Amino acid sequence: MCGRYTLLAEEAEILREFGIESQIDGYEPRYNVAPGQKVLAVIHDGNKKRAGYMKWGLVPSWSKDPKVGYKMINARSETAHEKPSYKRLMSQKRCLILADSFYEWQKTKSGKRPVRIKLEDRSLFAFAGLWDQWGGEEESLFTCTILTQEANEFMKPIHDRMPVIMPRKKQEEWIEPIKWNPVEAKQFVDQLTMDDLHAYEVSDYVNSAKNEGPDCIHPIA
């Protein structure tokens, strides 16, 4: 799964990397993004790419209770095209969720230890995501989930699952305002190639979602 990550890039770098024309309302770097919080995502509205905040934890448009989002922070890429909550979104509501590293907790004999994982060759990247709009009587929510996949050889010693990281050359294609067959979307994800990763142990300070700041990413000597 993917349950915590960082986004420390400057706003100008984000705008340049993802071809966003407008400034990002309320942007601030984050050292410890957690489920239930706002996350920065990019969609294509049919005219242009837009960057803005959504709540992390998918609430399907047909859901009766927005609290379901706390159970839907991740969607398995292997089966998302079949699931009622994700099938329609795989077809037409795909997004990029921006990050520059993610955390995972590796099981050891002395307990779980937090590890920060980054890309070797680029700092800023995007998770493959799905989004939806939920409208209740008193509020309207834009929410999202991160697609995950079976861990690659690098990640297997750390965890058996990992987020789907979108290759730079495939980012625009993923969010194009084109309706795909859900199976086509799955096949698109299945054929993605993974960039090389780098990982290092960090302090258990990051364990609490309330903690924020540079102490979250300092390596353990």
N, C-alpha and C. Protein backbone atom coordinates (compact mmCIF):
# COMPACT_ATOMS: atom_id res chain seq x y z
N MET A 1 0.84 -1.19 0.00
CA MET A 1 0.00 0.00 0.00
C MET A 1 0.88 1.24 0.00
N CYS A 2 0.27 2.38 -0.15
CA CYS A 2 0.96 3.66 -0.02
C CYS A 2 0.14 4.49 0.95
N GLY A 3 0.71 4.78 2.12
CA GLY A 3 -0.05 5.47 3.14
C GLY A 3 0.56 6.75 3.66
N ARG A 4 1.73 7.14 3.12
CA ARG A 4 2.36 8.38 3.55
C ARG A 4 3.38 8.80 2.50
N TYR A 5 3.52 10.09 2.24
CA TYR A 5 4.50 10.53 1.26
C TYR A 5 4.88 11.99 1.47
N THR A 6 5.79 12.51 0.64
CA THR A 6 6.23 13.90 0.74
C THR A 6 6.03 14.62 -0.59
N LEU A 7 5.95 15.94 -0.51
CA LEU A 7 5.99 16.80 -1.69
C LEU A 7 6.67 18.09 -1.26
N LEU A 8 7.97 18.19 -1.54
CA LEU A 8 8.79 19.30 -1.05
C LEU A 8 9.20 20.27 -2.16
N ALA A 9 8.82 20.00 -3.38
CA ALA A 9 9.24 20.81 -4.53
C ALA A 9 8.71 22.24 -4.44
N GLU A 10 9.44 23.17 -5.05
CA GLU A 10 8.96 24.53 -5.17
C GLU A 10 7.80 24.57 -6.17
N GLU A 11 6.90 25.51 -5.96
CA GLU A 11 5.74 25.61 -6.85
C GLU A 11 6.15 25.81 -8.30
N ALA A 12 7.18 26.62 -8.54
CA ALA A 12 7.63 26.88 -9.91
C ALA A 12 8.09 25.60 -10.59
N GLU A 13 8.74 24.71 -9.85
CA GLU A 13 9.18 23.44 -10.42
C GLU A 13 7.99 22.58 -10.80
N ILE A 14 6.96 22.57 -9.98
CA ILE A 14 5.76 21.79 -10.26
C ILE A 14 5.07 22.30 -11.52
N LEU A 15 4.92 23.61 -11.62
CA LEU A 15 4.27 24.21 -12.78
C LEU A 15 5.04 23.87 -14.06
N ARG A 16 6.36 23.94 -13.98
CA ARG A 16 7.20 23.66 -15.16
C ARG A 16 7.15 22.18 -15.53
N GLU A 17 7.28 21.32 -14.54
CA GLU A 17 7.35 19.88 -14.80
C GLU A 17 6.06 19.34 -15.40
N PHE A 18 4.91 19.85 -14.95
CA PHE A 18 3.63 19.29 -15.39
C PHE A 18 2.88 20.19 -16.36
N GLY A 19 3.52 21.26 -16.80
CA GLY A 19 2.91 22.11 -17.81
C GLY A 19 1.64 22.79 -17.35
N ILE A 20 1.64 23.27 -16.10
CA ILE A 20 0.48 23.94 -15.53
C ILE A 20 0.62 25.45 -15.75
N GLU A 21 -0.43 26.08 -16.24
CA GLU A 21 -0.36 27.51 -16.56
C GLU A 21 -0.70 28.41 -15.38
N SER A 22 -1.59 27.97 -14.51
CA SER A 22 -2.05 28.82 -13.41
C SER A 22 -1.36 28.46 -12.11
N GLN A 23 -1.19 29.43 -11.24
CA GLN A 23 -0.61 29.18 -9.93
C GLN A 23 -1.51 28.24 -9.12
N ILE A 24 -0.90 27.58 -8.16
CA ILE A 24 -1.61 26.60 -7.35
C ILE A 24 -2.11 27.28 -6.08
N ASP A 25 -3.40 27.36 -5.95
CA ASP A 25 -4.00 28.03 -4.80
C ASP A 25 -3.68 27.29 -3.50
N GLY A 26 -3.01 27.97 -2.59
CA GLY A 26 -2.75 27.39 -1.27
C GLY A 26 -1.61 26.38 -1.23
N TYR A 27 -0.72 26.39 -2.23
CA TYR A 27 0.34 25.38 -2.23
C TYR A 27 1.31 25.59 -1.08
N GLU A 28 1.71 24.49 -0.45
CA GLU A 28 2.76 24.49 0.56
C GLU A 28 3.45 23.13 0.55
N PRO A 29 4.79 23.12 0.69
CA PRO A 29 5.52 21.85 0.75
C PRO A 29 5.08 21.03 1.96
N ARG A 30 5.14 19.70 1.81
CA ARG A 30 4.72 18.80 2.89
C ARG A 30 5.72 17.68 3.08
N TYR A 31 6.05 17.41 4.35
CA TYR A 31 6.99 16.34 4.69
C TYR A 31 6.30 15.04 5.09
N ASN A 32 4.99 15.11 5.32
CA ASN A 32 4.33 13.93 5.89
C ASN A 32 2.85 13.92 5.52
N VAL A 33 2.57 13.76 4.23
CA VAL A 33 1.19 13.75 3.75
C VAL A 33 0.53 12.43 4.16
N ALA A 34 -0.65 12.50 4.74
CA ALA A 34 -1.33 11.31 5.27
C ALA A 34 -2.75 11.20 4.74
N PRO A 35 -3.32 9.99 4.77
CA PRO A 35 -4.71 9.81 4.34
C PRO A 35 -5.66 10.73 5.09
N GLY A 36 -6.69 11.18 4.37
CA GLY A 36 -7.66 12.09 4.95
C GLY A 36 -7.28 13.55 4.80
N GLN A 37 -6.02 13.80 4.40
CA GLN A 37 -5.56 15.17 4.22
C GLN A 37 -5.70 15.58 2.75
N LYS A 38 -5.45 16.84 2.47
CA LYS A 38 -5.52 17.31 1.09
C LYS A 38 -4.23 16.94 0.37
N VAL A 39 -4.36 16.53 -0.89
CA VAL A 39 -3.21 16.15 -1.70
C VAL A 39 -3.28 16.91 -3.02
N LEU A 40 -2.11 17.22 -3.57
CA LEU A 40 -2.06 17.97 -4.81
C LEU A 40 -2.14 17.02 -5.99
N ALA A 41 -3.11 17.25 -6.87
CA ALA A 41 -3.34 16.37 -8.02
C ALA A 41 -3.47 17.19 -9.29
N VAL A 42 -3.23 16.53 -10.42
CA VAL A 42 -3.37 17.16 -11.73
C VAL A 42 -4.39 16.37 -12.53
N ILE A 43 -5.34 17.09 -13.13
CA ILE A 43 -6.31 16.49 -14.04
C ILE A 43 -6.31 17.29 -15.33
N HIS A 44 -6.99 16.76 -16.34
CA HIS A 44 -7.23 17.50 -17.58
C HIS A 44 -8.72 17.73 -17.68
N ASP A 45 -9.14 19.00 -17.76
CA ASP A 45 -10.57 19.30 -17.73
C ASP A 45 -11.22 19.32 -19.11
N GLY A 46 -10.47 18.88 -20.13
CA GLY A 46 -10.98 18.90 -21.49
C GLY A 46 -10.42 20.04 -22.31
N ASN A 47 -9.95 21.08 -21.61
CA ASN A 47 -9.33 22.22 -22.26
C ASN A 47 -7.86 22.37 -21.90
N LYS A 48 -7.56 22.15 -20.64
CA LYS A 48 -6.19 22.29 -20.19
C LYS A 48 -5.97 21.46 -18.93
N LYS A 49 -4.69 21.33 -18.55
CA LYS A 49 -4.34 20.64 -17.31
C LYS A 49 -4.52 21.61 -16.14
N ARG A 50 -5.02 21.07 -15.06
CA ARG A 50 -5.26 21.87 -13.86
C ARG A 50 -4.67 21.16 -12.65
N ALA A 51 -4.06 21.94 -11.77
CA ALA A 51 -3.53 21.40 -10.51
C ALA A 51 -4.34 21.97 -9.36
N GLY A 52 -4.73 21.11 -8.44
CA GLY A 52 -5.50 21.56 -7.28
C GLY A 52 -5.54 20.47 -6.23
N TYR A 53 -6.17 20.78 -5.13
CA TYR A 53 -6.19 19.85 -4.00
C TYR A 53 -7.47 19.01 -3.95
N MET A 54 -7.25 17.75 -3.61
CA MET A 54 -8.35 16.81 -3.35
C MET A 54 -8.09 16.16 -2.00
N LYS A 55 -9.12 15.56 -1.45
CA LYS A 55 -8.97 14.82 -0.21
C LYS A 55 -8.52 13.40 -0.52
N TRP A 56 -7.51 12.93 0.22
CA TRP A 56 -6.97 11.59 -0.02
C TRP A 56 -7.83 10.55 0.69
N GLY A 57 -8.52 9.76 -0.12
CA GLY A 57 -9.44 8.75 0.37
C GLY A 57 -10.69 8.84 -0.48
N LEU A 58 -10.84 7.94 -1.42
CA LEU A 58 -11.89 8.07 -2.43
C LEU A 58 -13.29 7.89 -1.85
N VAL A 59 -14.16 8.83 -2.20
CA VAL A 59 -15.58 8.72 -1.90
C VAL A 59 -16.31 8.66 -3.24
N PRO A 60 -16.77 7.50 -3.67
CA PRO A 60 -17.48 7.40 -4.95
C PRO A 60 -18.70 8.31 -4.98
N SER A 61 -19.03 8.79 -6.16
CA SER A 61 -20.14 9.73 -6.29
C SER A 61 -21.46 9.15 -5.79
N TRP A 62 -21.60 7.82 -5.84
CA TRP A 62 -22.85 7.19 -5.44
C TRP A 62 -22.88 6.78 -3.96
N SER A 63 -21.79 7.02 -3.26
CA SER A 63 -21.72 6.59 -1.86
C SER A 63 -22.69 7.40 -1.00
N LYS A 64 -23.26 6.76 0.00
CA LYS A 64 -24.17 7.43 0.92
C LYS A 64 -23.42 8.07 2.08
N ASP A 65 -22.19 7.62 2.33
CA ASP A 65 -21.45 8.09 3.51
C ASP A 65 -20.04 8.49 3.10
N PRO A 66 -19.65 9.76 3.25
CA PRO A 66 -18.31 10.18 2.87
C PRO A 66 -17.20 9.56 3.71
N LYS A 67 -17.55 8.97 4.85
CA LYS A 67 -16.53 8.34 5.69
C LYS A 67 -15.91 7.12 5.05
N VAL A 68 -16.52 6.61 3.96
CA VAL A 68 -15.97 5.44 3.28
C VAL A 68 -14.59 5.75 2.73
N GLY A 69 -14.28 7.03 2.53
CA GLY A 69 -13.00 7.42 1.97
C GLY A 69 -11.81 6.96 2.78
N TYR A 70 -11.97 6.83 4.09
CA TYR A 70 -10.85 6.41 4.94
C TYR A 70 -10.43 4.97 4.65
N LYS A 71 -11.31 4.21 4.00
CA LYS A 71 -10.99 2.82 3.66
C LYS A 71 -10.48 2.68 2.23
N MET A 72 -10.46 3.80 1.48
CA MET A 72 -10.18 3.71 0.05
C MET A 72 -9.05 4.66 -0.35
N ILE A 73 -7.94 4.59 0.38
CA ILE A 73 -6.79 5.44 0.05
C ILE A 73 -5.98 4.85 -1.09
N ASN A 74 -6.09 3.53 -1.27
CA ASN A 74 -5.38 2.82 -2.35
C ASN A 74 -6.35 1.96 -3.13
N ALA A 75 -6.02 1.74 -4.42
CA ALA A 75 -6.78 0.83 -5.28
C ALA A 75 -5.79 -0.09 -5.98
N ARG A 76 -6.04 -1.38 -5.93
CA ARG A 76 -5.14 -2.34 -6.57
C ARG A 76 -5.28 -2.23 -8.09
N SER A 77 -4.17 -1.97 -8.76
CA SER A 77 -4.21 -1.80 -10.22
C SER A 77 -4.60 -3.10 -10.92
N GLU A 78 -4.34 -4.23 -10.27
CA GLU A 78 -4.66 -5.52 -10.89
C GLU A 78 -6.16 -5.76 -11.01
N THR A 79 -6.95 -5.14 -10.12
CA THR A 79 -8.39 -5.44 -10.09
C THR A 79 -9.27 -4.20 -10.17
N ALA A 80 -8.68 -3.01 -10.22
CA ALA A 80 -9.49 -1.78 -10.20
C ALA A 80 -10.48 -1.72 -11.36
N HIS A 81 -10.12 -2.30 -12.50
CA HIS A 81 -11.00 -2.26 -13.67
C HIS A 81 -12.26 -3.09 -13.49
N GLU A 82 -12.30 -3.92 -12.43
CA GLU A 82 -13.45 -4.79 -12.18
C GLU A 82 -14.32 -4.30 -11.02
N LYS A 83 -13.78 -3.46 -10.16
CA LYS A 83 -14.46 -3.08 -8.93
C LYS A 83 -15.46 -1.94 -9.17
N PRO A 84 -16.66 -2.03 -8.59
CA PRO A 84 -17.67 -0.98 -8.79
C PRO A 84 -17.18 0.42 -8.40
N SER A 85 -16.35 0.51 -7.37
CA SER A 85 -15.89 1.82 -6.90
C SER A 85 -14.90 2.47 -7.85
N TYR A 86 -14.20 1.66 -8.65
CA TYR A 86 -13.10 2.17 -9.46
C TYR A 86 -13.30 2.02 -10.97
N LYS A 87 -14.16 1.11 -11.38
CA LYS A 87 -14.28 0.78 -12.81
C LYS A 87 -14.57 2.01 -13.67
N ARG A 88 -15.55 2.81 -13.28
CA ARG A 88 -15.89 4.00 -14.05
C ARG A 88 -14.75 5.01 -14.05
N LEU A 89 -14.05 5.09 -12.93
CA LEU A 89 -12.96 6.06 -12.81
C LEU A 89 -11.76 5.65 -13.66
N MET A 90 -11.49 4.36 -13.77
CA MET A 90 -10.43 3.88 -14.66
C MET A 90 -10.73 4.29 -16.09
N SER A 91 -12.01 4.38 -16.41
CA SER A 91 -12.42 4.74 -17.76
C SER A 91 -12.24 6.22 -18.05
N GLN A 92 -12.59 7.08 -17.08
CA GLN A 92 -12.66 8.51 -17.44
C GLN A 92 -12.29 9.51 -16.35
N LYS A 93 -11.86 9.08 -15.19
CA LYS A 93 -11.47 10.02 -14.14
C LYS A 93 -10.10 9.63 -13.56
N ARG A 94 -9.10 9.79 -14.40
CA ARG A 94 -7.72 9.46 -14.02
C ARG A 94 -6.97 10.75 -13.69
N CYS A 95 -6.10 10.67 -12.71
CA CYS A 95 -5.36 11.86 -12.30
C CYS A 95 -3.92 11.50 -11.95
N LEU A 96 -3.12 12.52 -11.77
CA LEU A 96 -1.76 12.39 -11.27
C LEU A 96 -1.72 12.98 -9.87
N ILE A 97 -1.16 12.25 -8.93
CA ILE A 97 -1.02 12.73 -7.56
C ILE A 97 0.47 13.00 -7.33
N LEU A 98 0.81 14.24 -7.07
CA LEU A 98 2.20 14.68 -7.13
C LEU A 98 2.96 14.39 -5.83
N ALA A 99 4.22 13.97 -5.98
CA ALA A 99 5.05 13.59 -4.84
C ALA A 99 6.52 13.68 -5.22
N ASP A 100 7.38 13.61 -4.23
CA ASP A 100 8.80 13.45 -4.52
C ASP A 100 9.46 12.36 -3.70
N SER A 101 8.69 11.68 -2.86
CA SER A 101 9.13 10.45 -2.19
C SER A 101 7.92 9.86 -1.49
N PHE A 102 8.05 8.62 -1.06
CA PHE A 102 7.00 8.02 -0.23
C PHE A 102 7.64 7.20 0.87
N TYR A 103 6.88 6.95 1.92
CA TYR A 103 7.37 6.17 3.05
C TYR A 103 6.74 4.79 3.05
N GLU A 104 7.51 3.84 3.54
CA GLU A 104 6.96 2.51 3.79
C GLU A 104 7.60 1.99 5.07
N TRP A 105 6.89 1.09 5.74
CA TRP A 105 7.38 0.55 7.00
C TRP A 105 7.83 -0.89 6.81
N GLN A 106 9.13 -1.11 6.95
CA GLN A 106 9.75 -2.41 6.70
C GLN A 106 9.74 -3.24 7.98
N LYS A 107 9.29 -4.48 7.87
CA LYS A 107 9.27 -5.37 9.02
C LYS A 107 10.68 -5.88 9.31
N THR A 108 11.11 -5.78 10.57
CA THR A 108 12.41 -6.30 11.00
C THR A 108 12.20 -7.08 12.30
N LYS A 109 13.24 -7.75 12.76
CA LYS A 109 13.13 -8.52 13.99
C LYS A 109 12.85 -7.64 15.20
N SER A 110 13.26 -6.39 15.11
CA SER A 110 13.06 -5.45 16.22
C SER A 110 11.80 -4.60 16.05
N GLY A 111 11.02 -4.90 15.02
CA GLY A 111 9.81 -4.15 14.77
C GLY A 111 9.83 -3.46 13.42
N LYS A 112 8.82 -2.67 13.13
CA LYS A 112 8.76 -1.99 11.86
C LYS A 112 9.61 -0.72 11.89
N ARG A 113 10.33 -0.47 10.80
CA ARG A 113 11.14 0.74 10.70
C ARG A 113 10.70 1.53 9.48
N PRO A 114 10.57 2.85 9.59
CA PRO A 114 10.15 3.67 8.45
C PRO A 114 11.30 3.88 7.47
N VAL A 115 10.96 3.78 6.20
CA VAL A 115 11.93 3.93 5.12
C VAL A 115 11.39 4.96 4.13
N ARG A 116 12.25 5.85 3.67
CA ARG A 116 11.86 6.81 2.65
C ARG A 116 12.37 6.34 1.29
N ILE A 117 11.50 6.34 0.29
CA ILE A 117 11.85 5.84 -1.05
C ILE A 117 11.72 6.98 -2.06
N LYS A 118 12.77 7.15 -2.86
CA LYS A 118 12.81 8.20 -3.87
C LYS A 118 13.19 7.60 -5.22
N LEU A 119 13.02 8.38 -6.29
CA LEU A 119 13.53 7.98 -7.59
C LEU A 119 14.99 8.37 -7.69
N GLU A 120 15.77 7.55 -8.37
CA GLU A 120 17.20 7.82 -8.53
C GLU A 120 17.46 9.04 -9.40
N ASP A 121 16.73 9.18 -10.50
CA ASP A 121 17.10 10.14 -11.54
C ASP A 121 16.25 11.40 -11.61
N ARG A 122 15.20 11.49 -10.84
CA ARG A 122 14.42 12.73 -10.81
C ARG A 122 13.76 12.88 -9.46
N SER A 123 13.64 14.12 -9.02
CA SER A 123 13.11 14.36 -7.68
C SER A 123 11.59 14.39 -7.66
N LEU A 124 10.97 15.01 -8.65
CA LEU A 124 9.52 15.20 -8.67
C LEU A 124 8.87 14.17 -9.59
N PHE A 125 7.79 13.53 -9.11
CA PHE A 125 7.11 12.53 -9.93
C PHE A 125 5.63 12.52 -9.59
N ALA A 126 4.91 11.56 -10.13
CA ALA A 126 3.47 11.48 -9.88
C ALA A 126 3.03 10.03 -9.74
N PHE A 127 2.16 9.79 -8.77
CA PHE A 127 1.49 8.50 -8.64
C PHE A 127 0.31 8.47 -9.62
N ALA A 128 0.02 7.31 -10.14
CA ALA A 128 -1.21 7.13 -10.92
C ALA A 128 -2.39 7.15 -9.95
N GLY A 129 -3.36 8.01 -10.21
CA GLY A 129 -4.49 8.12 -9.31
C GLY A 129 -5.83 8.09 -10.03
N LEU A 130 -6.88 7.93 -9.25
CA LEU A 130 -8.26 8.01 -9.70
C LEU A 130 -8.98 9.01 -8.82
N TRP A 131 -9.95 9.74 -9.38
CA TRP A 131 -10.64 10.74 -8.59
C TRP A 131 -12.14 10.71 -8.86
N ASP A 132 -12.89 11.33 -7.96
CA ASP A 132 -14.34 11.43 -8.15
C ASP A 132 -14.86 12.62 -7.37
N GLN A 133 -16.05 13.03 -7.70
CA GLN A 133 -16.72 14.12 -7.00
C GLN A 133 -17.95 13.56 -6.31
N TRP A 134 -18.03 13.83 -5.02
CA TRP A 134 -19.17 13.38 -4.21
C TRP A 134 -19.95 14.62 -3.78
N GLY A 135 -21.25 14.59 -3.97
CA GLY A 135 -22.06 15.74 -3.59
C GLY A 135 -23.14 15.36 -2.62
N GLY A 136 -23.01 15.83 -1.41
CA GLY A 136 -24.06 15.63 -0.42
C GLY A 136 -24.97 16.85 -0.41
N GLU A 137 -25.90 16.89 0.53
CA GLU A 137 -26.84 18.00 0.61
C GLU A 137 -26.15 19.29 1.03
N GLU A 138 -25.10 19.16 1.84
CA GLU A 138 -24.48 20.36 2.39
C GLU A 138 -23.05 20.57 1.91
N GLU A 139 -22.49 19.64 1.16
CA GLU A 139 -21.10 19.78 0.76
C GLU A 139 -20.81 19.01 -0.52
N SER A 140 -19.73 19.41 -1.18
CA SER A 140 -19.24 18.71 -2.36
C SER A 140 -17.78 18.39 -2.15
N LEU A 141 -17.40 17.14 -2.30
CA LEU A 141 -16.04 16.70 -2.06
C LEU A 141 -15.39 16.21 -3.34
N PHE A 142 -14.13 16.60 -3.54
CA PHE A 142 -13.30 16.02 -4.59
C PHE A 142 -12.28 15.14 -3.89
N THR A 143 -12.31 13.85 -4.20
CA THR A 143 -11.46 12.90 -3.49
C THR A 143 -10.70 12.03 -4.49
N CYS A 144 -9.67 11.35 -3.99
CA CYS A 144 -8.85 10.54 -4.88
C CYS A 144 -8.26 9.34 -4.15
N THR A 145 -7.73 8.43 -4.94
CA THR A 145 -7.04 7.24 -4.43
C THR A 145 -5.80 6.99 -5.27
N ILE A 146 -4.81 6.33 -4.68
CA ILE A 146 -3.56 6.02 -5.38
C ILE A 146 -3.58 4.57 -5.82
N LEU A 147 -3.28 4.33 -7.08
CA LEU A 147 -3.17 2.96 -7.58
C LEU A 147 -1.89 2.32 -7.06
N THR A 148 -1.99 1.06 -6.67
CA THR A 148 -0.82 0.31 -6.21
C THR A 148 -0.64 -0.95 -7.04
N GLN A 149 0.55 -1.51 -6.94
CA GLN A 149 0.87 -2.73 -7.68
C GLN A 149 1.77 -3.62 -6.82
N GLU A 150 2.00 -4.84 -7.30
CA GLU A 150 2.91 -5.74 -6.62
C GLU A 150 4.31 -5.13 -6.60
N ALA A 151 5.02 -5.28 -5.51
CA ALA A 151 6.35 -4.70 -5.37
C ALA A 151 7.31 -5.25 -6.42
N ASN A 152 8.18 -4.38 -6.92
CA ASN A 152 9.24 -4.86 -7.81
C ASN A 152 10.39 -5.43 -6.98
N GLU A 153 11.45 -5.85 -7.64
CA GLU A 153 12.54 -6.52 -6.93
C GLU A 153 13.19 -5.61 -5.89
N PHE A 154 13.27 -4.32 -6.19
CA PHE A 154 13.86 -3.39 -5.23
C PHE A 154 13.00 -3.28 -3.97
N MET A 155 11.68 -3.20 -4.16
CA MET A 155 10.79 -2.94 -3.04
C MET A 155 10.44 -4.17 -2.22
N LYS A 156 10.58 -5.36 -2.78
CA LYS A 156 10.13 -6.57 -2.08
C LYS A 156 10.73 -6.73 -0.68
N PRO A 157 12.01 -6.43 -0.46
CA PRO A 157 12.53 -6.54 0.91
C PRO A 157 11.92 -5.54 1.89
N ILE A 158 11.30 -4.48 1.35
CA ILE A 158 10.72 -3.43 2.19
C ILE A 158 9.24 -3.67 2.41
N HIS A 159 8.50 -3.97 1.33
CA HIS A 159 7.06 -4.20 1.42
C HIS A 159 6.60 -4.95 0.18
N ASP A 160 5.46 -5.65 0.28
CA ASP A 160 4.99 -6.45 -0.85
C ASP A 160 4.15 -5.67 -1.85
N ARG A 161 3.81 -4.40 -1.51
CA ARG A 161 3.07 -3.54 -2.43
C ARG A 161 3.81 -2.23 -2.58
N MET A 162 3.48 -1.50 -3.66
CA MET A 162 4.07 -0.19 -3.89
C MET A 162 3.14 0.64 -4.75
N PRO A 163 3.26 1.97 -4.69
CA PRO A 163 2.41 2.81 -5.55
C PRO A 163 2.85 2.70 -7.00
N VAL A 164 1.91 2.93 -7.91
CA VAL A 164 2.23 3.00 -9.34
C VAL A 164 2.77 4.40 -9.61
N ILE A 165 4.04 4.47 -9.97
CA ILE A 165 4.69 5.74 -10.29
C ILE A 165 4.68 5.91 -11.80
N MET A 166 4.09 7.01 -12.26
CA MET A 166 3.90 7.22 -13.69
C MET A 166 5.18 7.71 -14.35
N PRO A 167 5.71 7.00 -15.36
CA PRO A 167 6.87 7.51 -16.10
C PRO A 167 6.56 8.87 -16.70
N ARG A 168 7.55 9.71 -16.76
CA ARG A 168 7.34 11.09 -17.26
C ARG A 168 6.66 11.10 -18.63
N LYS A 169 7.08 10.22 -19.53
CA LYS A 169 6.56 10.23 -20.89
C LYS A 169 5.12 9.73 -20.99
N LYS A 170 4.62 9.13 -19.91
CA LYS A 170 3.25 8.58 -19.92
C LYS A 170 2.25 9.43 -19.13
N GLN A 171 2.73 10.48 -18.48
CA GLN A 171 1.87 11.26 -17.60
C GLN A 171 0.70 11.90 -18.34
N GLU A 172 0.99 12.55 -19.46
CA GLU A 172 -0.08 13.25 -20.19
C GLU A 172 -1.09 12.27 -20.76
N GLU A 173 -0.61 11.13 -21.22
CA GLU A 173 -1.52 10.13 -21.79
C GLU A 173 -2.48 9.61 -20.74
N TRP A 174 -2.01 9.45 -19.51
CA TRP A 174 -2.85 8.92 -18.44
C TRP A 174 -4.03 9.84 -18.14
N ILE A 175 -3.81 11.15 -18.21
CA ILE A 175 -4.88 12.07 -17.83
C ILE A 175 -5.59 12.69 -19.03
N GLU A 176 -5.28 12.26 -20.23
CA GLU A 176 -5.99 12.77 -21.40
C GLU A 176 -7.50 12.60 -21.22
N PRO A 177 -8.31 13.59 -21.62
CA PRO A 177 -9.77 13.50 -21.46
C PRO A 177 -10.42 12.61 -22.50
N ILE A 178 -9.95 11.37 -22.52
CA ILE A 178 -10.46 10.37 -23.45
C ILE A 178 -11.05 9.22 -22.64
N LYS A 179 -12.22 8.78 -23.02
CA LYS A 179 -12.85 7.68 -22.31
C LYS A 179 -12.26 6.36 -22.79
N TRP A 180 -11.64 5.63 -21.86
CA TRP A 180 -11.06 4.33 -22.15
C TRP A 180 -11.99 3.24 -21.65
N ASN A 181 -11.89 2.08 -22.30
CA ASN A 181 -12.45 0.88 -21.68
C ASN A 181 -11.63 0.60 -20.42
N PRO A 182 -12.26 0.25 -19.30
CA PRO A 182 -11.50 0.00 -18.07
C PRO A 182 -10.38 -1.03 -18.25
N VAL A 183 -10.59 -2.01 -19.11
CA VAL A 183 -9.55 -3.00 -19.37
C VAL A 183 -8.36 -2.35 -20.07
N GLU A 184 -8.64 -1.40 -20.95
CA GLU A 184 -7.56 -0.67 -21.62
C GLU A 184 -6.72 0.11 -20.60
N ALA A 185 -7.39 0.70 -19.63
CA ALA A 185 -6.68 1.44 -18.59
C ALA A 185 -5.79 0.51 -17.78
N LYS A 186 -6.31 -0.68 -17.45
CA LYS A 186 -5.50 -1.66 -16.73
C LYS A 186 -4.28 -2.05 -17.56
N GLN A 187 -4.48 -2.31 -18.83
CA GLN A 187 -3.38 -2.71 -19.70
C GLN A 187 -2.34 -1.60 -19.81
N PHE A 188 -2.78 -0.36 -19.83
CA PHE A 188 -1.87 0.78 -19.85
C PHE A 188 -0.96 0.74 -18.63
N VAL A 189 -1.55 0.52 -17.46
CA VAL A 189 -0.77 0.48 -16.22
C VAL A 189 0.16 -0.74 -16.21
N ASP A 190 -0.34 -1.88 -16.68
CA ASP A 190 0.46 -3.11 -16.68
C ASP A 190 1.75 -2.96 -17.50
N GLN A 191 1.71 -2.12 -18.53
CA GLN A 191 2.83 -2.00 -19.44
C GLN A 191 3.81 -0.89 -19.05
N LEU A 192 3.56 -0.20 -17.95
CA LEU A 192 4.46 0.87 -17.52
C LEU A 192 5.79 0.30 -17.06
N THR A 193 6.86 1.02 -17.34
CA THR A 193 8.18 0.64 -16.85
C THR A 193 8.51 1.46 -15.61
N MET A 194 9.20 0.84 -14.68
CA MET A 194 9.49 1.49 -13.40
C MET A 194 10.88 2.12 -13.40
N ASP A 195 10.97 3.36 -12.95
CA ASP A 195 12.26 4.01 -12.77
C ASP A 195 13.00 3.38 -11.60
N ASP A 196 14.32 3.53 -11.58
CA ASP A 196 15.12 3.01 -10.47
C ASP A 196 14.82 3.79 -9.19
N LEU A 197 14.86 3.09 -8.08
CA LEU A 197 14.53 3.66 -6.79
C LEU A 197 15.74 3.69 -5.85
N HIS A 198 15.65 4.54 -4.86
CA HIS A 198 16.66 4.64 -3.81
C HIS A 198 15.91 4.74 -2.49
N ALA A 199 16.43 4.11 -1.43
CA ALA A 199 15.73 4.12 -0.15
C ALA A 199 16.72 4.27 1.01
N TYR A 200 16.23 4.89 2.07
CA TYR A 200 17.04 4.98 3.29
C TYR A 200 16.12 5.05 4.51
N GLU A 201 16.62 4.59 5.64
CA GLU A 201 15.84 4.57 6.87
C GLU A 201 15.74 5.98 7.46
N VAL A 202 14.56 6.29 7.97
CA VAL A 202 14.34 7.58 8.64
C VAL A 202 13.87 7.33 10.07
N SER A 203 13.78 8.41 10.82
CA SER A 203 13.36 8.34 12.21
C SER A 203 11.89 7.97 12.35
N ASP A 204 11.56 7.35 13.48
CA ASP A 204 10.15 7.03 13.74
C ASP A 204 9.34 8.29 14.06
N TYR A 205 9.96 9.44 13.98
CA TYR A 205 9.24 10.71 14.10
C TYR A 205 8.14 10.79 13.06
N VAL A 206 8.39 10.18 11.89
CA VAL A 206 7.40 10.23 10.81
C VAL A 206 6.18 9.35 11.09
N ASN A 207 6.27 8.49 12.07
CA ASN A 207 5.17 7.56 12.34
C ASN A 207 3.85 8.27 12.64
N SER A 208 3.93 9.40 13.30
CA SER A 208 2.72 10.15 13.62
C SER A 208 2.39 11.11 12.49
N ALA A 209 1.17 11.02 12.00
CA ALA A 209 0.73 11.92 10.93
C ALA A 209 0.66 13.37 11.40
N LYS A 210 0.72 13.59 12.71
CA LYS A 210 0.70 14.95 13.24
C LYS A 210 2.04 15.64 13.08
N ASN A 211 3.11 14.84 12.88
CA ASN A 211 4.45 15.42 12.79
C ASN A 211 4.75 15.89 11.38
N GLU A 212 5.41 17.03 11.29
CA GLU A 212 5.72 17.65 10.00
C GLU A 212 7.08 18.31 10.12
N GLY A 213 7.79 18.46 9.01
CA GLY A 213 9.06 19.17 9.02
C GLY A 213 10.22 18.28 8.63
N PRO A 214 11.43 18.87 8.53
CA PRO A 214 12.62 18.16 8.08
C PRO A 214 12.99 16.92 8.87
N ASP A 215 12.60 16.86 10.14
CA ASP A 215 12.93 15.68 10.95
C ASP A 215 12.32 14.42 10.37
N CYS A 216 11.28 14.55 9.56
CA CYS A 216 10.63 13.39 8.95
C CYS A 216 11.55 12.68 7.95
N ILE A 217 12.43 13.42 7.31
CA ILE A 217 13.22 12.85 6.21
C ILE A 217 14.69 12.69 6.52
N HIS A 218 15.12 13.10 7.71
CA HIS A 218 16.54 12.95 8.06
C HIS A 218 16.91 11.47 8.11
N PRO A 219 18.00 11.08 7.43
CA PRO A 219 18.41 9.67 7.45
C PRO A 219 18.95 9.25 8.81
N ILE A 220 18.72 7.98 9.14
CA ILE A 220 19.28 7.40 10.35
C ILE A 220 20.71 6.97 10.04
N ALA A 221 21.66 7.47 10.77
CA ALA A 221 23.08 7.14 10.48
C ALA A 221 23.36 5.68 10.75
